[in-house]
Amino acid sequence: MADVKSQEKADRLKAALKENLKRRKAQARGRQAARASGTEGGSSSVSTERDKPSD
């Protein structure tokens, strides 16, 4: 029974990490596109602060 619970927990963690990676890659692509188009604003420092883990 404990093995099933730990496997379910591992599966949930794996899915969460995968979604987080997908989201962060999309954000990075968006920032890179903004820099490439020359529309970089002062908001970049705000968004990087928000992306830091809140340990």
Protein backbone atom coordinates (compact mmCIF):
# COMPACT_ATOMS: atom_id res chain seq x y z
CA MET A 1 0.00 0.00 0.00
CA ALA A 2 2.80 2.46 0.86
CA ASP A 3 4.51 1.65 -2.43
CA VAL A 4 1.36 2.60 -4.35
CA LYS A 5 1.09 5.90 -2.46
CA SER A 6 4.74 6.74 -3.02
CA GLN A 7 4.42 5.92 -6.72
CA GLU A 8 1.35 8.16 -7.01
CA LYS A 9 3.22 10.95 -5.24
CA ALA A 10 6.19 10.50 -7.57
CA ASP A 11 3.88 10.63 -10.58
CA ARG A 12 2.25 13.85 -9.35
CA LEU A 13 5.66 15.41 -8.73
CA LYS A 14 6.86 14.36 -12.16
CA ALA A 15 3.81 15.93 -13.82
CA ALA A 16 4.17 19.14 -11.81
CA LEU A 17 7.85 19.46 -12.68
CA LYS A 18 7.11 18.82 -16.35
CA GLU A 19 4.44 21.55 -16.41
CA ASN A 20 6.74 23.95 -14.56
CA LEU A 21 9.53 23.35 -17.06
CA LYS A 22 7.13 23.90 -19.96
CA ARG A 23 5.91 27.17 -18.42
CA ARG A 24 9.43 28.45 -17.74
CA LYS A 25 10.57 27.61 -21.28
CA ALA A 26 7.60 29.52 -22.69
CA GLN A 27 8.44 32.50 -20.48
CA ALA A 28 12.08 32.40 -21.62
CA ARG A 29 11.00 32.27 -25.27
CA GLY A 30 8.74 35.26 -24.69
CA ARG A 31 11.51 37.25 -23.04
CA GLN A 32 13.92 36.37 -25.83
CA ALA A 33 11.38 37.46 -28.46
CA ALA A 34 10.83 40.75 -26.60
CA ARG A 35 14.57 41.39 -26.49
CA ALA A 36 14.92 40.54 -30.18
CA SER A 37 12.19 43.00 -31.13
CA GLY A 38 13.74 45.72 -28.97
CA THR A 39 10.73 46.13 -26.69
CA GLU A 40 12.63 45.26 -23.53
CA GLY A 41 11.16 47.31 -20.69
CA GLY A 42 11.87 47.78 -17.03
CA SER A 43 9.50 44.94 -16.17
CA SER A 44 12.11 42.24 -16.79
CA SER A 45 13.56 42.58 -13.29
CA VAL A 46 10.08 42.22 -11.80
CA SER A 47 9.37 39.02 -13.70
CA THR A 48 12.71 37.43 -12.75
CA GLU A 49 12.03 38.19 -9.10
CA ARG A 50 8.65 36.49 -9.41
CA ASP A 51 10.24 33.38 -10.95
CA LYS A 52 12.54 32.76 -8.00
CA PRO A 53 11.41 29.95 -5.67
CA SER A 54 9.95 31.14 -2.40
CA ASP A 55 11.90 28.84 -0.10
